[in-house]
Amino acid sequence: MTHESVWYSRPRKYGKGSRECRVCSHRAGLIRKYGMNICRQCFREKSTDIGFTKVRFNSSLDNPIRSHSNITQSHYPT
């Protein structure tokens, strides 16, 4: 038996080897939250298309600072 026929020959049904990125088929750095199954590199490229926005935190106030102007002040407790 050659190396190619033995390497990765058994089926992967669970664990890290069974999951891959749905965009590029990469297996490392996988984001599984919300059933996304997308690697972190592809997530950075496609996050705006999916609908995610980046939220910055001001460390002195511990309040999120959002870049959108359509968010009202009711989101921030006083």
PDB file of N, CA and C in Angstrom:
ATOM      1  N   MET A   1       0.845  -1.189   0.000  1.00  0.00           N
ATOM      2  CA  MET A   1       0.000   0.000   0.000  1.00  0.00           C
ATOM      3  C   MET A   1       0.883   1.242   0.000  1.00  0.00           C
ATOM      4  N   THR A   2       0.513   2.158  -0.806  1.00  0.00           N
ATOM      5  CA  THR A   2       1.281   3.393  -0.901  1.00  0.00           C
ATOM      6  C   THR A   2       0.834   4.381   0.166  1.00  0.00           C
ATOM      7  N   HIS A   3       1.635   5.409   0.321  1.00  0.00           N
ATOM      8  CA  HIS A   3       1.338   6.430   1.326  1.00  0.00           C
ATOM      9  C   HIS A   3       0.030   7.156   1.013  1.00  0.00           C
ATOM     10  N   GLU A   4      -0.248   7.415  -0.269  1.00  0.00           N
ATOM     11  CA  GLU A   4      -1.456   8.135  -0.655  1.00  0.00           C
ATOM     12  C   GLU A   4      -2.721   7.352  -0.331  1.00  0.00           C
ATOM     13  N   SER A   5      -2.660   6.034  -0.431  1.00  0.00           N
ATOM     14  CA  SER A   5      -3.856   5.236  -0.162  1.00  0.00           C
ATOM     15  C   SER A   5      -4.110   5.066   1.332  1.00  0.00           C
ATOM     16  N   VAL A   6      -3.073   5.194   2.152  1.00  0.00           N
ATOM     17  CA  VAL A   6      -3.231   5.027   3.595  1.00  0.00           C
ATOM     18  C   VAL A   6      -3.532   6.358   4.274  1.00  0.00           C
ATOM     19  N   TRP A   7      -2.886   7.425   3.835  1.00  0.00           N
ATOM     20  CA  TRP A   7      -3.042   8.739   4.463  1.00  0.00           C
ATOM     21  C   TRP A   7      -4.454   9.260   4.252  1.00  0.00           C
ATOM     22  N   TYR A   8      -5.080   9.614   5.322  1.00  0.00           N
ATOM     23  CA  TYR A   8      -6.435  10.175   5.307  1.00  0.00           C
ATOM     24  C   TYR A   8      -7.439   9.213   4.670  1.00  0.00           C
ATOM     25  N   SER A   9      -7.296   7.930   4.971  1.00  0.00           N
ATOM     26  CA  SER A   9      -8.146   6.930   4.328  1.00  0.00           C
ATOM     27  C   SER A   9      -9.433   6.658   5.098  1.00  0.00           C
ATOM     28  N   ARG A  10      -9.422   6.847   6.399  1.00  0.00           N
ATOM     29  CA  ARG A  10     -10.644   6.543   7.145  1.00  0.00           C
ATOM     30  C   ARG A  10     -11.589   7.745   7.115  1.00  0.00           C
ATOM     31  N   PRO A  11     -12.879   7.502   7.143  1.00  0.00           N
ATOM     32  CA  PRO A  11     -13.839   8.617   7.076  1.00  0.00           C
ATOM     33  C   PRO A  11     -13.820   9.447   8.351  1.00  0.00           C
ATOM     34  N   ARG A  12     -13.952  10.756   8.191  1.00  0.00           N
ATOM     35  CA  ARG A  12     -13.979  11.680   9.322  1.00  0.00           C
ATOM     36  C   ARG A  12     -15.427  12.073   9.580  1.00  0.00           C
ATOM     37  N   LYS A  13     -15.965  11.644  10.722  1.00  0.00           N
ATOM     38  CA  LYS A  13     -17.355  11.948  11.052  1.00  0.00           C
ATOM     39  C   LYS A  13     -17.476  12.915  12.215  1.00  0.00           C
ATOM     40  N   TYR A  14     -16.418  13.067  13.003  1.00  0.00           N
ATOM     41  CA  TYR A  14     -16.435  13.983  14.136  1.00  0.00           C
ATOM     42  C   TYR A  14     -15.031  14.501  14.352  1.00  0.00           C
ATOM     43  N   GLY A  15     -14.925  15.588  15.111  1.00  0.00           N
ATOM     44  CA  GLY A  15     -13.621  16.166  15.401  1.00  0.00           C
ATOM     45  C   GLY A  15     -13.223  17.222  14.390  1.00  0.00           C
ATOM     46  N   LYS A  16     -12.006  17.738  14.566  1.00  0.00           N
ATOM     47  CA  LYS A  16     -11.526  18.825  13.714  1.00  0.00           C
ATOM     48  C   LYS A  16     -11.363  18.398  12.260  1.00  0.00           C
ATOM     49  N   GLY A  17     -11.046  17.151  12.041  1.00  0.00           N
ATOM     50  CA  GLY A  17     -10.844  16.681  10.674  1.00  0.00           C
ATOM     51  C   GLY A  17     -12.106  16.567   9.861  1.00  0.00           C
ATOM     52  N   SER A  18     -13.254  16.579  10.517  1.00  0.00           N
ATOM     53  CA  SER A  18     -14.513  16.433   9.787  1.00  0.00           C
ATOM     54  C   SER A  18     -15.081  17.760   9.325  1.00  0.00           C
ATOM     55  N   ARG A  19     -14.532  18.877   9.796  1.00  0.00           N
ATOM     56  CA  ARG A  19     -15.084  20.194   9.471  1.00  0.00           C
ATOM     57  C   ARG A  19     -14.119  20.979   8.594  1.00  0.00           C
ATOM     58  N   GLU A  20     -14.674  21.763   7.690  1.00  0.00           N
ATOM     59  CA  GLU A  20     -13.852  22.602   6.830  1.00  0.00           C
ATOM     60  C   GLU A  20     -14.624  23.859   6.479  1.00  0.00           C
ATOM     61  N   CYS A  21     -13.891  24.848   6.011  1.00  0.00           N
ATOM     62  CA  CYS A  21     -14.485  26.118   5.608  1.00  0.00           C
ATOM     63  C   CYS A  21     -15.364  25.888   4.383  1.00  0.00           C
ATOM     64  N   ARG A  22     -16.554  26.480   4.399  1.00  0.00           N
ATOM     65  CA  ARG A  22     -17.457  26.300   3.268  1.00  0.00           C
ATOM     66  C   ARG A  22     -17.046  27.134   2.058  1.00  0.00           C
ATOM     67  N   VAL A  23     -16.110  28.071   2.243  1.00  0.00           N
ATOM     68  CA  VAL A  23     -15.665  28.905   1.128  1.00  0.00           C
ATOM     69  C   VAL A  23     -14.422  28.312   0.472  1.00  0.00           C
ATOM     70  N   CYS A  24     -13.394  28.029   1.295  1.00  0.00           N
ATOM     71  CA  CYS A  24     -12.099  27.625   0.729  1.00  0.00           C
ATOM     72  C   CYS A  24     -11.667  26.216   1.129  1.00  0.00           C
ATOM     73  N   SER A  25     -12.461  25.498   1.909  1.00  0.00           N
ATOM     74  CA  SER A  25     -12.166  24.129   2.359  1.00  0.00           C
ATOM     75  C   SER A  25     -10.964  24.040   3.280  1.00  0.00           C
ATOM     76  N   HIS A  26     -10.567  25.157   3.906  1.00  0.00           N
ATOM     77  CA  HIS A  26      -9.468  25.163   4.869  1.00  0.00           C
ATOM     78  C   HIS A  26      -9.978  24.589   6.189  1.00  0.00           C
ATOM     79  N   ARG A  27      -9.126  23.899   6.938  1.00  0.00           N
ATOM     80  CA  ARG A  27      -9.569  23.237   8.159  1.00  0.00           C
ATOM     81  C   ARG A  27      -9.165  23.963   9.436  1.00  0.00           C
ATOM     82  N   ALA A  28      -8.234  24.911   9.364  1.00  0.00           N
ATOM     83  CA  ALA A  28      -7.754  25.585  10.568  1.00  0.00           C
ATOM     84  C   ALA A  28      -8.424  26.943  10.719  1.00  0.00           C
ATOM     85  N   GLY A  29      -8.554  27.414  11.957  1.00  0.00           N
ATOM     86  CA  GLY A  29      -9.122  28.729  12.224  1.00  0.00           C
ATOM     87  C   GLY A  29     -10.592  28.812  11.898  1.00  0.00           C
ATOM     88  N   LEU A  30     -11.323  27.745  12.133  1.00  0.00           N
ATOM     89  CA  LEU A  30     -12.721  27.653  11.732  1.00  0.00           C
ATOM     90  C   LEU A  30     -13.628  28.340  12.744  1.00  0.00           C
ATOM     91  N   ILE A  31     -14.526  29.192  12.269  1.00  0.00           N
ATOM     92  CA  ILE A  31     -15.537  29.835  13.103  1.00  0.00           C
ATOM     93  C   ILE A  31     -16.816  29.035  12.933  1.00  0.00           C
ATOM     94  N   ARG A  32     -17.230  28.350  13.999  1.00  0.00           N
ATOM     95  CA  ARG A  32     -18.386  27.469  13.937  1.00  0.00           C
ATOM     96  C   ARG A  32     -19.636  28.088  14.529  1.00  0.00           C
ATOM     97  N   LYS A  33     -19.499  29.260  15.137  1.00  0.00           N
ATOM     98  CA  LYS A  33     -20.635  29.880  15.805  1.00  0.00           C
ATOM     99  C   LYS A  33     -21.741  30.177  14.800  1.00  0.00           C
ATOM    100  N   TYR A  34     -22.970  29.980  15.218  1.00  0.00           N
ATOM    101  CA  TYR A  34     -24.175  30.174  14.402  1.00  0.00           C
ATOM    102  C   TYR A  34     -24.196  29.260  13.181  1.00  0.00           C
ATOM    103  N   GLY A  35     -23.415  28.179  13.206  1.00  0.00           N
ATOM    104  CA  GLY A  35     -23.391  27.256  12.079  1.00  0.00           C
ATOM    105  C   GLY A  35     -22.744  27.826  10.836  1.00  0.00           C
ATOM    106  N   MET A  36     -21.863  28.818  11.021  1.00  0.00           N
ATOM    107  CA  MET A  36     -21.241  29.466   9.863  1.00  0.00           C
ATOM    108  C   MET A  36     -20.231  28.560   9.173  1.00  0.00           C
ATOM    109  N   ASN A  37     -19.395  27.872   9.943  1.00  0.00           N
ATOM    110  CA  ASN A  37     -18.357  26.990   9.405  1.00  0.00           C
ATOM    111  C   ASN A  37     -17.542  27.677   8.313  1.00  0.00           C
ATOM    112  N   ILE A  38     -16.921  28.784   8.698  1.00  0.00           N
ATOM    113  CA  ILE A  38     -16.106  29.568   7.776  1.00  0.00           C
ATOM    114  C   ILE A  38     -14.793  29.891   8.488  1.00  0.00           C
ATOM    115  N   CYS A  39     -13.681  29.825   7.767  1.00  0.00           N
ATOM    116  CA  CYS A  39     -12.392  30.087   8.410  1.00  0.00           C
ATOM    117  C   CYS A  39     -12.244  31.582   8.672  1.00  0.00           C
ATOM    118  N   ARG A  40     -11.333  31.939   9.552  1.00  0.00           N
ATOM    119  CA  ARG A  40     -11.212  33.335   9.984  1.00  0.00           C
ATOM    120  C   ARG A  40     -10.752  34.240   8.849  1.00  0.00           C
ATOM    121  N   GLN A  41      -9.954  33.724   7.935  1.00  0.00           N
ATOM    122  CA  GLN A  41      -9.501  34.537   6.812  1.00  0.00           C
ATOM    123  C   GLN A  41     -10.665  34.870   5.881  1.00  0.00           C
ATOM    124  N   CYS A  42     -11.483  33.887   5.575  1.00  0.00           N
ATOM    125  CA  CYS A  42     -12.650  34.129   4.714  1.00  0.00           C
ATOM    126  C   CYS A  42     -13.673  34.999   5.430  1.00  0.00           C
ATOM    127  N   PHE A  43     -13.781  34.855   6.758  1.00  0.00           N
ATOM    128  CA  PHE A  43     -14.720  35.692   7.500  1.00  0.00           C
ATOM    129  C   PHE A  43     -14.337  37.161   7.396  1.00  0.00           C
ATOM    130  N   ARG A  44     -13.054  37.459   7.468  1.00  0.00           N
ATOM    131  CA  ARG A  44     -12.621  38.858   7.355  1.00  0.00           C
ATOM    132  C   ARG A  44     -12.944  39.421   5.975  1.00  0.00           C
ATOM    133  N   GLU A  45     -12.857  38.587   4.958  1.00  0.00           N
ATOM    134  CA  GLU A  45     -13.167  39.048   3.606  1.00  0.00           C
ATOM    135  C   GLU A  45     -14.667  39.210   3.382  1.00  0.00           C
ATOM    136  N   LYS A  46     -15.468  38.311   3.928  1.00  0.00           N
ATOM    137  CA  LYS A  46     -16.896  38.259   3.612  1.00  0.00           C
ATOM    138  C   LYS A  46     -17.798  38.815   4.706  1.00  0.00           C
ATOM    139  N   SER A  47     -17.239  39.329   5.799  1.00  0.00           N
ATOM    140  CA  SER A  47     -18.064  39.726   6.946  1.00  0.00           C
ATOM    141  C   SER A  47     -19.057  40.829   6.606  1.00  0.00           C
ATOM    142  N   THR A  48     -18.671  41.802   5.799  1.00  0.00           N
ATOM    143  CA  THR A  48     -19.613  42.870   5.453  1.00  0.00           C
ATOM    144  C   THR A  48     -20.717  42.353   4.545  1.00  0.00           C
ATOM    145  N   ASP A  49     -20.408  41.393   3.680  1.00  0.00           N
ATOM    146  CA  ASP A  49     -21.436  40.804   2.819  1.00  0.00           C
ATOM    147  C   ASP A  49     -22.440  40.001   3.632  1.00  0.00           C
ATOM    148  N   ILE A  50     -21.960  39.342   4.701  1.00  0.00           N
ATOM    149  CA  ILE A  50     -22.837  38.552   5.557  1.00  0.00           C
ATOM    150  C   ILE A  50     -23.715  39.460   6.406  1.00  0.00           C
ATOM    151  N   GLY A  51     -23.184  40.619   6.811  1.00  0.00           N
ATOM    152  CA  GLY A  51     -23.963  41.561   7.604  1.00  0.00           C
ATOM    153  C   GLY A  51     -23.369  41.879   8.957  1.00  0.00           C
ATOM    154  N   PHE A  52     -22.130  41.486   9.192  1.00  0.00           N
ATOM    155  CA  PHE A  52     -21.474  41.788  10.454  1.00  0.00           C
ATOM    156  C   PHE A  52     -20.832  43.166  10.383  1.00  0.00           C
ATOM    157  N   THR A  53     -20.904  43.899  11.494  1.00  0.00           N
ATOM    158  CA  THR A  53     -20.225  45.183  11.596  1.00  0.00           C
ATOM    159  C   THR A  53     -19.256  45.126  12.761  1.00  0.00           C
ATOM    160  N   LYS A  54     -18.151  45.805  12.625  1.00  0.00           N
ATOM    161  CA  LYS A  54     -17.124  45.805  13.660  1.00  0.00           C
ATOM    162  C   LYS A  54     -17.514  46.778  14.759  1.00  0.00           C
ATOM    163  N   VAL A  55     -17.422  46.345  16.006  1.00  0.00           N
ATOM    164  CA  VAL A  55     -17.756  47.172  17.161  1.00  0.00           C
ATOM    165  C   VAL A  55     -16.483  47.407  17.946  1.00  0.00           C
ATOM    166  N   ARG A  56     -16.147  48.683  18.181  1.00  0.00           N
ATOM    167  CA  ARG A  56     -14.966  49.026  18.968  1.00  0.00           C
ATOM    168  C   ARG A  56     -15.402  49.312  20.396  1.00  0.00           C
ATOM    169  N   PHE A  57     -14.556  49.013  21.353  1.00  0.00           N
ATOM    170  CA  PHE A  57     -14.836  49.301  22.751  1.00  0.00           C
ATOM    171  C   PHE A  57     -13.888  50.380  23.243  1.00  0.00           C
ATOM    172  N   ASN A  58     -14.440  51.388  23.891  1.00  0.00           N
ATOM    173  CA  ASN A  58     -13.645  52.432  24.503  1.00  0.00           C
ATOM    174  C   ASN A  58     -13.289  51.946  25.901  1.00  0.00           C
ATOM    175  N   SER A  59     -12.022  51.702  26.155  1.00  0.00           N
ATOM    176  CA  SER A  59     -11.614  51.089  27.417  1.00  0.00           C
ATOM    177  C   SER A  59     -11.861  51.999  28.617  1.00  0.00           C
ATOM    178  N   SER A  60     -11.874  53.315  28.422  1.00  0.00           N
ATOM    179  CA  SER A  60     -12.082  54.210  29.559  1.00  0.00           C
ATOM    180  C   SER A  60     -13.548  54.262  29.979  1.00  0.00           C
ATOM    181  N   LEU A  61     -14.463  54.013  29.051  1.00  0.00           N
ATOM    182  CA  LEU A  61     -15.887  54.095  29.367  1.00  0.00           C
ATOM    183  C   LEU A  61     -16.570  52.734  29.401  1.00  0.00           C
ATOM    184  N   ASP A  62     -15.923  51.716  28.835  1.00  0.00           N
ATOM    185  CA  ASP A  62     -16.498  50.380  28.702  1.00  0.00           C
ATOM    186  C   ASP A  62     -17.823  50.413  27.964  1.00  0.00           C
ATOM    187  N   ASN A  63     -17.966  51.318  27.032  1.00  0.00           N
ATOM    188  CA  ASN A  63     -19.145  51.396  26.185  1.00  0.00           C
ATOM    189  C   ASN A  63     -18.731  51.138  24.744  1.00  0.00           C
ATOM    190  N   PRO A  64     -19.542  50.396  24.012  1.00  0.00           N
ATOM    191  CA  PRO A  64     -19.199  50.190  22.605  1.00  0.00           C
ATOM    192  C   PRO A  64     -19.393  51.468  21.809  1.00  0.00           C
ATOM    193  N   ILE A  65     -18.494  51.716  20.889  1.00  0.00           N
ATOM    194  CA  ILE A  65     -18.583  52.864  19.997  1.00  0.00           C
ATOM    195  C   ILE A  65     -18.899  52.319  18.616  1.00  0.00           C
ATOM    196  N   ARG A  66     -20.051  52.643  18.092  1.00  0.00           N
ATOM    197  CA  ARG A  66     -20.459  52.130  16.790  1.00  0.00           C
ATOM    198  C   ARG A  66     -20.310  53.219  15.750  1.00  0.00           C
ATOM    199  N   SER A  67     -19.979  52.811  14.562  1.00  0.00           N
ATOM    200  CA  SER A  67     -19.699  53.778  13.515  1.00  0.00           C
ATOM    201  C   SER A  67     -20.950  54.219  12.765  1.00  0.00           C
ATOM    202  N   HIS A  68     -22.089  53.566  12.982  1.00  0.00           N
ATOM    203  CA  HIS A  68     -23.301  53.929  12.262  1.00  0.00           C
ATOM    204  C   HIS A  68     -24.016  55.069  12.974  1.00  0.00           C
ATOM    205  N   SER A  69     -24.491  56.032  12.215  1.00  0.00           N
ATOM    206  CA  SER A  69     -25.171  57.187  12.802  1.00  0.00           C
ATOM    207  C   SER A  69     -26.650  56.927  13.036  1.00  0.00           C
ATOM    208  N   ASN A  70     -27.198  55.824  12.509  1.00  0.00           N
ATOM    209  CA  ASN A  70     -28.620  55.569  12.660  1.00  0.00           C
ATOM    210  C   ASN A  70     -28.967  54.881  13.976  1.00  0.00           C
ATOM    211  N   ILE A  71     -27.995  54.618  14.832  1.00  0.00           N
ATOM    212  CA  ILE A  71     -28.256  54.015  16.137  1.00  0.00           C
ATOM    213  C   ILE A  71     -28.622  55.132  17.108  1.00  0.00           C
ATOM    214  N   THR A  72     -29.741  54.974  17.770  1.00  0.00           N
ATOM    215  CA  THR A  72     -30.201  56.021  18.681  1.00  0.00           C
ATOM    216  C   THR A  72     -29.516  55.896  20.029  1.00  0.00           C
ATOM    217  N   GLN A  73     -29.668  56.896  20.848  1.00  0.00           N
ATOM    218  CA  GLN A  73     -29.053  56.908  22.170  1.00  0.00           C
ATOM    219  C   GLN A  73     -29.735  55.937  23.126  1.00  0.00           C
ATOM    220  N   SER A  74     -30.890  55.383  22.769  1.00  0.00           N
ATOM    221  CA  SER A  74     -31.572  54.450  23.664  1.00  0.00           C
ATOM    222  C   SER A  74     -30.800  53.149  23.829  1.00  0.00           C
ATOM    223  N   HIS A  75     -29.848  52.870  22.950  1.00  0.00           N
ATOM    224  CA  HIS A  75     -29.041  51.670  23.071  1.00  0.00           C
ATOM    225  C   HIS A  75     -28.009  51.778  24.185  1.00  0.00           C
ATOM    226  N   TYR A  76     -27.691  52.985  24.591  1.00  0.00           N
ATOM    227  CA  TYR A  76     -26.664  53.197  25.593  1.00  0.00           C
ATOM    228  C   TYR A  76     -27.300  53.591  26.915  1.00  0.00           C
ATOM    229  N   PRO A  77     -27.153  52.770  27.957  1.00  0.00           N
ATOM    230  CA  PRO A  77     -27.723  53.148  29.259  1.00  0.00           C
ATOM    231  C   PRO A  77     -26.970  54.331  29.865  1.00  0.00           C
ATOM    232  N   THR A  78     -27.695  55.182  30.550  1.00  0.00           N
ATOM    233  CA  THR A  78     -27.058  56.345  31.173  1.00  0.00           C
ATOM    234  C   THR A  78     -26.963  56.191  32.666  1.00  0.00           C
TER     235      THR A  78
END
